[in-house]
Amino acid sequence: MDANNPARSLFTGPVAYRRTPARPFKRLRLFDVPDIGAHLITPWMGFAHHGIHVGGGKVIHYGALVYDIVRRPVEEVTLEAFACGRPIFVVQHDTLPFDVAEIIHRARSRIGEHRYRLLTNNCEHFVEWCLYGEQRSFQVERALEFPRAMGEWIQGSIASFAARLLRVRAGGEAPQVKGS
């Protein structure tokens, strides 16, 4: 259980959103209404789908996609349509550079935009831009980090193996076998 965020231990949502940035989030309960300008997420196939609550039970988000085939524009939909039967979580932000009115204005200014790109302009990029003025997707960054980390691990493993092999051939210590 996370002492700083008890809700985190109950979270069964998107795995990709469990890591940095460390922003607490809370599950929206039945009949709860998020604050206007709230950053909302809902789990979708191991990822988080993002939107901005604009009041009146409406959310602005980049529309749904199906494996990057069916792309939809930035649109204003009901909370129910945003969630598609999945739970909704409210992401907490310590400080924001824009007030709520500006966040809503920024979100509405892009309604109808039809430039969705999974790696460079997705729903998280959109929400981060509305909130901070910077298009960024932490989920994409983490996904792209994996191949680099694996490459470094493989490179380190090969280098370690080569160093042990050279020590053995040079008459140094014999490699240690686990369990002996």
N, C-alpha and C. Protein backbone atom coordinates (compact mmCIF):
# COMPACT_ATOMS: atom_id res chain seq x y z
N MET A 1 0.85 -1.19 0.00
CA MET A 1 0.00 0.00 0.00
C MET A 1 0.88 1.23 0.00
N ASP A 2 0.59 2.19 -0.82
CA ASP A 2 1.32 3.45 -0.91
C ASP A 2 0.80 4.38 0.18
N ALA A 3 1.65 4.72 1.15
CA ALA A 3 1.22 5.55 2.28
C ALA A 3 0.80 6.94 1.84
N ASN A 4 1.40 7.43 0.75
CA ASN A 4 1.06 8.77 0.27
C ASN A 4 -0.23 8.80 -0.53
N ASN A 5 -0.64 7.66 -1.04
CA ASN A 5 -1.83 7.61 -1.87
C ASN A 5 -2.53 6.27 -1.66
N PRO A 6 -3.41 6.18 -0.64
CA PRO A 6 -4.08 4.92 -0.38
C PRO A 6 -4.86 4.38 -1.58
N ALA A 7 -5.35 5.27 -2.44
CA ALA A 7 -6.12 4.83 -3.60
C ALA A 7 -5.25 4.01 -4.56
N ARG A 8 -3.94 4.26 -4.56
CA ARG A 8 -3.05 3.59 -5.49
C ARG A 8 -3.05 2.08 -5.27
N SER A 9 -3.20 1.63 -4.01
CA SER A 9 -3.18 0.20 -3.75
C SER A 9 -4.45 -0.48 -4.28
N LEU A 10 -5.50 0.28 -4.48
CA LEU A 10 -6.76 -0.27 -4.98
C LEU A 10 -6.86 -0.14 -6.50
N PHE A 11 -5.88 0.52 -7.09
CA PHE A 11 -5.92 0.84 -8.51
C PHE A 11 -5.72 -0.41 -9.35
N THR A 12 -6.64 -0.67 -10.22
CA THR A 12 -6.51 -1.80 -11.14
C THR A 12 -6.48 -1.31 -12.57
N GLY A 13 -6.16 -0.04 -12.73
CA GLY A 13 -6.20 0.59 -14.04
C GLY A 13 -4.93 0.40 -14.83
N PRO A 14 -4.60 1.37 -15.66
CA PRO A 14 -3.51 1.25 -16.61
C PRO A 14 -2.15 1.08 -15.94
N VAL A 15 -1.45 0.02 -16.29
CA VAL A 15 -0.13 -0.26 -15.75
C VAL A 15 0.82 0.88 -16.08
N ALA A 16 0.73 1.40 -17.29
CA ALA A 16 1.66 2.43 -17.73
C ALA A 16 1.57 3.71 -16.91
N TYR A 17 0.49 3.91 -16.19
CA TYR A 17 0.34 5.14 -15.44
C TYR A 17 0.73 4.97 -13.97
N ARG A 18 1.26 3.83 -13.60
CA ARG A 18 1.65 3.59 -12.21
C ARG A 18 3.02 4.15 -11.89
N ARG A 19 3.74 4.64 -12.86
CA ARG A 19 5.08 5.15 -12.66
C ARG A 19 5.09 6.66 -12.80
N THR A 20 6.29 7.24 -12.77
CA THR A 20 6.45 8.68 -12.83
C THR A 20 5.72 9.25 -14.02
N PRO A 21 5.26 10.46 -14.01
CA PRO A 21 5.40 11.39 -12.89
C PRO A 21 4.52 10.96 -11.72
N ALA A 22 5.01 11.22 -10.53
CA ALA A 22 4.28 10.80 -9.33
C ALA A 22 3.12 11.77 -9.09
N ARG A 23 2.04 11.48 -9.73
CA ARG A 23 0.83 12.29 -9.55
C ARG A 23 -0.22 11.40 -8.91
N PRO A 24 -0.69 11.78 -7.73
CA PRO A 24 -1.72 10.94 -7.11
C PRO A 24 -2.99 10.95 -7.95
N PHE A 25 -3.74 9.89 -7.87
CA PHE A 25 -5.01 9.81 -8.57
C PHE A 25 -6.00 9.10 -7.68
N LYS A 26 -7.26 9.37 -7.93
CA LYS A 26 -8.32 8.82 -7.09
C LYS A 26 -9.45 8.35 -7.99
N ARG A 27 -9.97 7.18 -7.67
CA ARG A 27 -11.08 6.64 -8.45
C ARG A 27 -12.33 7.48 -8.21
N LEU A 28 -12.99 7.82 -9.29
CA LEU A 28 -14.24 8.56 -9.21
C LEU A 28 -15.34 7.57 -8.82
N ARG A 29 -16.02 7.84 -7.73
CA ARG A 29 -17.08 6.94 -7.27
C ARG A 29 -18.38 7.26 -7.98
N LEU A 30 -19.29 6.30 -7.93
CA LEU A 30 -20.60 6.46 -8.53
C LEU A 30 -21.25 7.73 -7.98
N PHE A 31 -21.78 8.55 -8.82
CA PHE A 31 -22.47 9.80 -8.51
C PHE A 31 -21.52 10.93 -8.11
N ASP A 32 -20.20 10.69 -8.03
CA ASP A 32 -19.25 11.78 -7.81
C ASP A 32 -19.11 12.55 -9.11
N VAL A 33 -18.90 13.83 -9.00
CA VAL A 33 -18.70 14.68 -10.18
C VAL A 33 -17.31 15.30 -10.06
N PRO A 34 -16.47 15.10 -11.06
CA PRO A 34 -15.12 15.69 -10.99
C PRO A 34 -15.18 17.21 -11.09
N ASP A 35 -14.16 17.87 -10.56
CA ASP A 35 -14.07 19.32 -10.68
C ASP A 35 -13.95 19.71 -12.15
N ILE A 36 -14.39 20.90 -12.46
CA ILE A 36 -14.22 21.41 -13.81
C ILE A 36 -12.72 21.63 -14.04
N GLY A 37 -12.26 21.18 -15.18
CA GLY A 37 -10.84 21.27 -15.50
C GLY A 37 -10.04 20.08 -15.03
N ALA A 38 -10.71 19.09 -14.40
CA ALA A 38 -10.00 17.92 -13.88
C ALA A 38 -9.41 17.08 -15.01
N HIS A 39 -8.25 16.52 -14.74
CA HIS A 39 -7.57 15.59 -15.64
C HIS A 39 -8.11 14.20 -15.32
N LEU A 40 -8.77 13.58 -16.27
CA LEU A 40 -9.37 12.27 -16.07
C LEU A 40 -8.61 11.21 -16.86
N ILE A 41 -8.52 10.01 -16.29
CA ILE A 41 -7.98 8.87 -17.02
C ILE A 41 -8.91 7.68 -16.82
N THR A 42 -8.90 6.80 -17.78
CA THR A 42 -9.64 5.55 -17.69
C THR A 42 -8.77 4.47 -18.32
N PRO A 43 -8.73 3.28 -17.71
CA PRO A 43 -7.86 2.23 -18.25
C PRO A 43 -8.37 1.71 -19.59
N TRP A 44 -7.42 1.43 -20.48
CA TRP A 44 -7.77 0.87 -21.78
C TRP A 44 -6.61 0.00 -22.23
N MET A 45 -6.80 -1.30 -22.22
CA MET A 45 -5.82 -2.27 -22.70
C MET A 45 -4.42 -2.06 -22.10
N GLY A 46 -4.37 -1.80 -20.80
CA GLY A 46 -3.09 -1.62 -20.12
C GLY A 46 -2.54 -0.21 -20.17
N PHE A 47 -3.22 0.67 -20.84
CA PHE A 47 -2.80 2.07 -20.92
C PHE A 47 -3.87 2.95 -20.31
N ALA A 48 -3.58 4.23 -20.23
CA ALA A 48 -4.56 5.18 -19.71
C ALA A 48 -5.04 6.06 -20.86
N HIS A 49 -6.35 6.23 -20.94
CA HIS A 49 -6.94 7.16 -21.90
C HIS A 49 -7.22 8.44 -21.12
N HIS A 50 -6.86 9.59 -21.68
CA HIS A 50 -6.90 10.87 -20.98
C HIS A 50 -7.96 11.82 -21.54
N GLY A 51 -8.50 12.64 -20.66
CA GLY A 51 -9.45 13.68 -21.06
C GLY A 51 -9.50 14.79 -20.02
N ILE A 52 -10.15 15.87 -20.38
CA ILE A 52 -10.35 17.03 -19.49
C ILE A 52 -11.84 17.18 -19.23
N HIS A 53 -12.21 17.22 -17.94
CA HIS A 53 -13.63 17.43 -17.59
C HIS A 53 -13.92 18.92 -17.74
N VAL A 54 -14.95 19.24 -18.54
CA VAL A 54 -15.26 20.64 -18.82
C VAL A 54 -16.56 21.09 -18.18
N GLY A 55 -17.12 20.26 -17.30
CA GLY A 55 -18.36 20.60 -16.62
C GLY A 55 -19.57 20.01 -17.31
N GLY A 56 -20.67 19.98 -16.59
CA GLY A 56 -21.91 19.46 -17.15
C GLY A 56 -21.82 17.99 -17.52
N GLY A 57 -20.91 17.25 -16.88
CA GLY A 57 -20.76 15.83 -17.18
C GLY A 57 -20.13 15.57 -18.54
N LYS A 58 -19.37 16.55 -19.06
CA LYS A 58 -18.74 16.43 -20.38
C LYS A 58 -17.22 16.39 -20.26
N VAL A 59 -16.62 15.67 -21.19
CA VAL A 59 -15.17 15.50 -21.24
C VAL A 59 -14.71 15.81 -22.66
N ILE A 60 -13.59 16.53 -22.77
CA ILE A 60 -12.97 16.75 -24.08
C ILE A 60 -11.74 15.85 -24.13
N HIS A 61 -11.64 15.09 -25.21
CA HIS A 61 -10.54 14.14 -25.38
C HIS A 61 -10.32 13.88 -26.86
N TYR A 62 -9.15 13.26 -27.14
CA TYR A 62 -8.96 12.76 -28.49
C TYR A 62 -9.80 11.52 -28.61
N GLY A 63 -10.65 11.46 -29.60
CA GLY A 63 -11.60 10.36 -29.74
C GLY A 63 -10.95 9.00 -29.76
N ALA A 64 -11.77 8.00 -29.61
CA ALA A 64 -11.30 6.62 -29.51
C ALA A 64 -10.59 6.19 -30.78
N LEU A 65 -9.75 5.17 -30.60
CA LEU A 65 -9.10 4.57 -31.75
C LEU A 65 -9.10 3.08 -31.55
N VAL A 66 -8.98 2.37 -32.62
CA VAL A 66 -8.90 0.92 -32.56
C VAL A 66 -7.59 0.55 -33.24
N TYR A 67 -6.59 0.21 -32.41
CA TYR A 67 -5.27 -0.17 -32.91
C TYR A 67 -4.74 0.82 -33.95
N ASP A 68 -4.97 2.10 -33.72
CA ASP A 68 -4.48 3.17 -34.58
C ASP A 68 -5.08 3.11 -35.99
N ILE A 69 -6.21 2.40 -36.13
CA ILE A 69 -6.87 2.31 -37.44
C ILE A 69 -8.01 3.32 -37.50
N VAL A 70 -8.88 3.29 -36.50
CA VAL A 70 -10.02 4.22 -36.45
C VAL A 70 -9.61 5.41 -35.59
N ARG A 71 -9.36 6.51 -36.21
CA ARG A 71 -8.96 7.72 -35.51
C ARG A 71 -10.15 8.66 -35.50
N ARG A 72 -10.32 9.34 -34.38
CA ARG A 72 -11.40 10.31 -34.27
C ARG A 72 -10.81 11.64 -33.84
N PRO A 73 -11.51 12.71 -34.10
CA PRO A 73 -10.98 14.02 -33.75
C PRO A 73 -11.12 14.30 -32.25
N VAL A 74 -10.55 15.43 -31.84
CA VAL A 74 -10.79 15.93 -30.49
C VAL A 74 -12.29 16.22 -30.42
N GLU A 75 -12.94 15.70 -29.39
CA GLU A 75 -14.39 15.83 -29.29
C GLU A 75 -14.82 16.00 -27.84
N GLU A 76 -16.02 16.54 -27.68
CA GLU A 76 -16.63 16.68 -26.36
C GLU A 76 -17.72 15.63 -26.23
N VAL A 77 -17.58 14.78 -25.21
CA VAL A 77 -18.50 13.66 -25.01
C VAL A 77 -18.93 13.61 -23.55
N THR A 78 -19.89 12.77 -23.24
CA THR A 78 -20.31 12.59 -21.85
C THR A 78 -19.25 11.78 -21.10
N LEU A 79 -19.30 11.88 -19.78
CA LEU A 79 -18.42 11.06 -18.94
C LEU A 79 -18.59 9.58 -19.28
N GLU A 80 -19.85 9.17 -19.49
CA GLU A 80 -20.14 7.77 -19.80
C GLU A 80 -19.50 7.34 -21.12
N ALA A 81 -19.59 8.19 -22.12
CA ALA A 81 -18.99 7.87 -23.42
C ALA A 81 -17.47 7.84 -23.31
N PHE A 82 -16.89 8.74 -22.52
CA PHE A 82 -15.45 8.76 -22.31
C PHE A 82 -14.98 7.46 -21.66
N ALA A 83 -15.71 7.00 -20.65
CA ALA A 83 -15.30 5.82 -19.88
C ALA A 83 -15.61 4.50 -20.58
N CYS A 84 -16.62 4.46 -21.42
CA CYS A 84 -17.01 3.21 -22.09
C CYS A 84 -17.16 2.06 -21.09
N GLY A 85 -17.78 2.33 -19.95
CA GLY A 85 -18.02 1.29 -18.96
C GLY A 85 -16.83 0.99 -18.05
N ARG A 86 -15.71 1.65 -18.26
CA ARG A 86 -14.53 1.43 -17.42
C ARG A 86 -14.52 2.46 -16.28
N PRO A 87 -13.76 2.20 -15.22
CA PRO A 87 -13.69 3.17 -14.13
C PRO A 87 -12.98 4.45 -14.58
N ILE A 88 -13.30 5.53 -13.92
CA ILE A 88 -12.65 6.82 -14.20
C ILE A 88 -11.84 7.21 -12.97
N PHE A 89 -10.64 7.72 -13.22
CA PHE A 89 -9.76 8.20 -12.16
C PHE A 89 -9.48 9.67 -12.39
N VAL A 90 -9.40 10.44 -11.29
CA VAL A 90 -9.06 11.86 -11.36
C VAL A 90 -7.60 11.99 -10.96
N VAL A 91 -6.80 12.57 -11.84
CA VAL A 91 -5.37 12.77 -11.59
C VAL A 91 -5.20 14.12 -10.89
N GLN A 92 -4.46 14.11 -9.78
CA GLN A 92 -4.20 15.33 -9.02
C GLN A 92 -2.93 15.99 -9.54
N HIS A 93 -2.95 17.30 -9.64
CA HIS A 93 -1.77 18.06 -10.05
C HIS A 93 -1.49 19.10 -8.96
N ASP A 94 -0.22 19.19 -8.53
CA ASP A 94 0.13 20.13 -7.46
C ASP A 94 -0.15 21.57 -7.87
N THR A 95 0.49 21.99 -8.93
CA THR A 95 0.29 23.35 -9.42
C THR A 95 0.20 23.29 -10.94
N LEU A 96 -0.58 24.18 -11.48
CA LEU A 96 -0.75 24.27 -12.92
C LEU A 96 -0.47 25.70 -13.36
N PRO A 97 0.13 25.87 -14.53
CA PRO A 97 0.42 27.23 -14.99
C PRO A 97 -0.81 28.00 -15.48
N PHE A 98 -1.90 27.29 -15.75
CA PHE A 98 -3.11 27.93 -16.26
C PHE A 98 -4.24 27.76 -15.27
N ASP A 99 -5.14 28.75 -15.25
CA ASP A 99 -6.33 28.60 -14.40
C ASP A 99 -7.35 27.73 -15.14
N VAL A 100 -8.39 27.33 -14.44
CA VAL A 100 -9.38 26.41 -14.99
C VAL A 100 -10.00 26.95 -16.28
N ALA A 101 -10.34 28.24 -16.30
CA ALA A 101 -10.95 28.82 -17.50
C ALA A 101 -10.04 28.68 -18.72
N GLU A 102 -8.74 28.89 -18.52
CA GLU A 102 -7.78 28.78 -19.63
C GLU A 102 -7.61 27.32 -20.06
N ILE A 103 -7.61 26.40 -19.10
CA ILE A 103 -7.51 24.97 -19.44
C ILE A 103 -8.70 24.57 -20.32
N ILE A 104 -9.90 25.00 -19.93
CA ILE A 104 -11.10 24.68 -20.72
C ILE A 104 -11.02 25.34 -22.09
N HIS A 105 -10.59 26.59 -22.11
CA HIS A 105 -10.45 27.31 -23.39
C HIS A 105 -9.47 26.57 -24.32
N ARG A 106 -8.35 26.16 -23.76
CA ARG A 106 -7.36 25.44 -24.56
C ARG A 106 -7.94 24.14 -25.10
N ALA A 107 -8.65 23.40 -24.26
CA ALA A 107 -9.26 22.13 -24.71
C ALA A 107 -10.28 22.39 -25.82
N ARG A 108 -11.14 23.36 -25.61
CA ARG A 108 -12.18 23.65 -26.63
C ARG A 108 -11.59 24.19 -27.92
N SER A 109 -10.44 24.84 -27.83
CA SER A 109 -9.84 25.41 -29.04
C SER A 109 -9.41 24.33 -30.03
N ARG A 110 -9.30 23.10 -29.58
CA ARG A 110 -8.84 22.03 -30.46
C ARG A 110 -9.95 21.07 -30.86
N ILE A 111 -11.19 21.35 -30.44
CA ILE A 111 -12.31 20.49 -30.85
C ILE A 111 -12.37 20.44 -32.37
N GLY A 112 -12.49 19.25 -32.89
CA GLY A 112 -12.54 19.05 -34.35
C GLY A 112 -11.19 18.74 -34.95
N GLU A 113 -10.11 18.99 -34.22
CA GLU A 113 -8.77 18.68 -34.72
C GLU A 113 -8.70 17.18 -35.01
N HIS A 114 -8.17 16.85 -36.16
CA HIS A 114 -8.13 15.46 -36.59
C HIS A 114 -6.70 15.09 -36.96
N ARG A 115 -5.78 15.26 -36.00
CA ARG A 115 -4.36 15.00 -36.26
C ARG A 115 -3.78 13.99 -35.27
N TYR A 116 -4.56 13.01 -34.87
CA TYR A 116 -4.10 12.00 -33.92
C TYR A 116 -2.92 11.23 -34.49
N ARG A 117 -1.88 11.11 -33.69
CA ARG A 117 -0.72 10.28 -34.01
C ARG A 117 -0.31 9.61 -32.69
N LEU A 118 -0.26 8.30 -32.68
CA LEU A 118 -0.01 7.55 -31.46
C LEU A 118 1.24 8.02 -30.73
N LEU A 119 2.34 8.24 -31.43
CA LEU A 119 3.60 8.56 -30.78
C LEU A 119 3.83 10.05 -30.56
N THR A 120 3.11 10.91 -31.29
CA THR A 120 3.42 12.35 -31.20
C THR A 120 2.23 13.25 -30.89
N ASN A 121 1.01 12.76 -30.99
CA ASN A 121 -0.15 13.62 -30.74
C ASN A 121 -1.35 12.76 -30.33
N ASN A 122 -1.24 12.13 -29.16
CA ASN A 122 -2.33 11.28 -28.69
C ASN A 122 -3.12 11.99 -27.59
N CYS A 123 -4.02 11.27 -26.92
CA CYS A 123 -4.88 11.87 -25.91
C CYS A 123 -4.08 12.42 -24.72
N GLU A 124 -2.98 11.76 -24.36
CA GLU A 124 -2.16 12.27 -23.25
C GLU A 124 -1.40 13.52 -23.67
N HIS A 125 -0.87 13.55 -24.89
CA HIS A 125 -0.23 14.76 -25.40
C HIS A 125 -1.22 15.93 -25.33
N PHE A 126 -2.45 15.68 -25.75
CA PHE A 126 -3.50 16.71 -25.75
C PHE A 126 -3.75 17.24 -24.34
N VAL A 127 -3.95 16.35 -23.37
CA VAL A 127 -4.26 16.79 -22.00
C VAL A 127 -3.06 17.52 -21.38
N GLU A 128 -1.86 17.01 -21.58
CA GLU A 128 -0.67 17.69 -21.04
C GLU A 128 -0.54 19.09 -21.64
N TRP A 129 -0.88 19.25 -22.91
CA TRP A 129 -0.84 20.57 -23.54
C TRP A 129 -1.90 21.48 -22.92
N CYS A 130 -3.09 20.97 -22.69
CA CYS A 130 -4.15 21.78 -22.07
C CYS A 130 -3.73 22.24 -20.68
N LEU A 131 -3.09 21.37 -19.92
CA LEU A 131 -2.74 21.66 -18.54
C LEU A 131 -1.44 22.44 -18.39
N TYR A 132 -0.44 22.12 -19.21
CA TYR A 132 0.91 22.68 -19.01
C TYR A 132 1.47 23.44 -20.21
N GLY A 133 0.78 23.37 -21.35
CA GLY A 133 1.30 24.06 -22.54
C GLY A 133 2.39 23.27 -23.24
N GLU A 134 2.59 22.02 -22.86
CA GLU A 134 3.61 21.17 -23.47
C GLU A 134 3.00 19.84 -23.86
N GLN A 135 3.12 19.49 -25.14
CA GLN A 135 2.61 18.19 -25.60
C GLN A 135 3.59 17.12 -25.18
N ARG A 136 3.13 16.22 -24.32
CA ARG A 136 4.01 15.18 -23.80
C ARG A 136 3.18 13.96 -23.44
N SER A 137 3.73 12.79 -23.69
CA SER A 137 3.07 11.55 -23.30
C SER A 137 4.08 10.69 -22.52
N PHE A 138 3.85 10.58 -21.22
CA PHE A 138 4.72 9.77 -20.38
C PHE A 138 4.60 8.29 -20.75
N GLN A 139 3.43 7.89 -21.19
CA GLN A 139 3.25 6.49 -21.60
C GLN A 139 4.10 6.18 -22.82
N VAL A 140 4.13 7.08 -23.80
CA VAL A 140 4.96 6.88 -24.99
C VAL A 140 6.43 6.88 -24.60
N GLU A 141 6.83 7.81 -23.73
CA GLU A 141 8.22 7.86 -23.30
C GLU A 141 8.65 6.55 -22.64
N ARG A 142 7.80 6.00 -21.78
CA ARG A 142 8.11 4.73 -21.13
C ARG A 142 8.17 3.59 -22.15
N ALA A 143 7.26 3.59 -23.09
CA ALA A 143 7.25 2.52 -24.10
C ALA A 143 8.51 2.57 -24.96
N LEU A 144 8.96 3.76 -25.30
CA LEU A 144 10.16 3.91 -26.13
C LEU A 144 11.43 3.67 -25.32
N GLU A 145 11.35 3.81 -24.01
CA GLU A 145 12.49 3.57 -23.14
C GLU A 145 12.84 2.09 -23.08
N PHE A 146 11.87 1.22 -23.19
CA PHE A 146 12.09 -0.22 -23.03
C PHE A 146 13.14 -0.79 -23.98
N PRO A 147 13.06 -0.53 -25.29
CA PRO A 147 14.08 -1.10 -26.18
C PRO A 147 15.49 -0.61 -25.83
N ARG A 148 15.62 0.65 -25.43
CA ARG A 148 16.93 1.18 -25.05
C ARG A 148 17.46 0.45 -23.82
N ALA A 149 16.60 0.28 -22.82
CA ALA A 149 17.01 -0.40 -21.59
C ALA A 149 17.39 -1.85 -21.87
N MET A 150 16.62 -2.51 -22.71
CA MET A 150 16.94 -3.90 -23.07
C MET A 150 18.27 -3.97 -23.81
N GLY A 151 18.50 -3.04 -24.71
CA GLY A 151 19.76 -3.00 -25.46
C GLY A 151 20.94 -2.81 -24.52
N GLU A 152 20.79 -1.91 -23.55
CA GLU A 152 21.87 -1.69 -22.59
C GLU A 152 22.10 -2.93 -21.74
N TRP A 153 21.03 -3.62 -21.36
CA TRP A 153 21.16 -4.83 -20.56
C TRP A 153 21.88 -5.92 -21.36
N ILE A 154 21.50 -6.10 -22.60
CA ILE A 154 22.14 -7.10 -23.46
C ILE A 154 23.62 -6.76 -23.66
N GLN A 155 23.89 -5.49 -23.95
CA GLN A 155 25.27 -5.05 -24.15
C GLN A 155 26.09 -5.30 -22.89
N GLY A 156 25.54 -4.97 -21.73
CA GLY A 156 26.25 -5.20 -20.46
C GLY A 156 26.47 -6.68 -20.20
N SER A 157 25.49 -7.50 -20.51
CA SER A 157 25.62 -8.95 -20.32
C SER A 157 26.70 -9.53 -21.21
N ILE A 158 26.75 -9.09 -22.46
CA ILE A 158 27.77 -9.58 -23.40
C ILE A 158 29.15 -9.13 -22.94
N ALA A 159 29.26 -7.88 -22.52
CA ALA A 159 30.56 -7.37 -22.04
C ALA A 159 31.02 -8.13 -20.80
N SER A 160 30.12 -8.40 -19.89
CA SER A 160 30.46 -9.15 -18.68
C SER A 160 30.91 -10.57 -19.03
N PHE A 161 30.18 -11.21 -19.93
CA PHE A 161 30.52 -12.56 -20.36
C PHE A 161 31.89 -12.56 -21.03
N ALA A 162 32.14 -11.60 -21.89
CA ALA A 162 33.43 -11.52 -22.59
C ALA A 162 34.57 -11.30 -21.60
N ALA A 163 34.37 -10.47 -20.61
CA ALA A 163 35.41 -10.22 -19.61
C ALA A 163 35.71 -11.49 -18.82
N ARG A 164 34.69 -12.24 -18.43
CA ARG A 164 34.92 -13.50 -17.71
C ARG A 164 35.64 -14.50 -18.60
N LEU A 165 35.25 -14.57 -19.86
CA LEU A 165 35.88 -15.50 -20.80
C LEU A 165 37.35 -15.15 -20.97
N LEU A 166 37.69 -13.88 -21.08
CA LEU A 166 39.08 -13.46 -21.24
C LEU A 166 39.90 -13.78 -19.99
N ARG A 167 39.30 -13.63 -18.81
CA ARG A 167 40.00 -13.96 -17.57
C ARG A 167 40.33 -15.45 -17.53
N VAL A 168 39.40 -16.30 -17.95
CA VAL A 168 39.61 -17.75 -17.95
C VAL A 168 40.71 -18.12 -18.93
N ARG A 169 40.68 -17.56 -20.12
CA ARG A 169 41.69 -17.88 -21.14
C ARG A 169 43.06 -17.35 -20.75
N ALA A 170 43.10 -16.28 -19.98
CA ALA A 170 44.38 -15.70 -19.58
C ALA A 170 44.94 -16.41 -18.34
N GLY A 171 44.24 -17.42 -17.87
CA GLY A 171 44.70 -18.17 -16.71
C GLY A 171 44.24 -17.56 -15.40
N GLY A 172 43.32 -16.67 -15.47
CA GLY A 172 42.77 -16.05 -14.25
C GLY A 172 41.80 -16.99 -13.58
N GLU A 173 40.97 -16.44 -12.81
CA GLU A 173 40.00 -17.24 -12.05
C GLU A 173 39.00 -17.93 -12.96
N ALA A 174 38.54 -19.05 -12.55
CA ALA A 174 37.52 -19.77 -13.30
C ALA A 174 36.16 -19.14 -13.04
N PRO A 175 35.29 -19.15 -14.02
CA PRO A 175 33.97 -18.56 -13.81
C PRO A 175 33.24 -19.32 -12.71
N GLN A 176 32.53 -18.59 -11.90
CA GLN A 176 31.76 -19.20 -10.83
C GLN A 176 30.42 -19.66 -11.36
N VAL A 177 30.05 -20.87 -10.98
CA VAL A 177 28.78 -21.41 -11.40
C VAL A 177 27.81 -21.25 -10.24
N LYS A 178 26.65 -20.73 -10.49
CA LYS A 178 25.65 -20.54 -9.43
C LYS A 178 25.27 -21.88 -8.85
N GLY A 179 25.08 -21.89 -7.51
CA GLY A 179 24.65 -23.09 -6.85
C GLY A 179 25.80 -23.96 -6.39
N SER A 180 27.08 -23.58 -6.67
CA SER A 180 28.20 -24.39 -6.23
C SER A 180 28.75 -23.83 -4.94
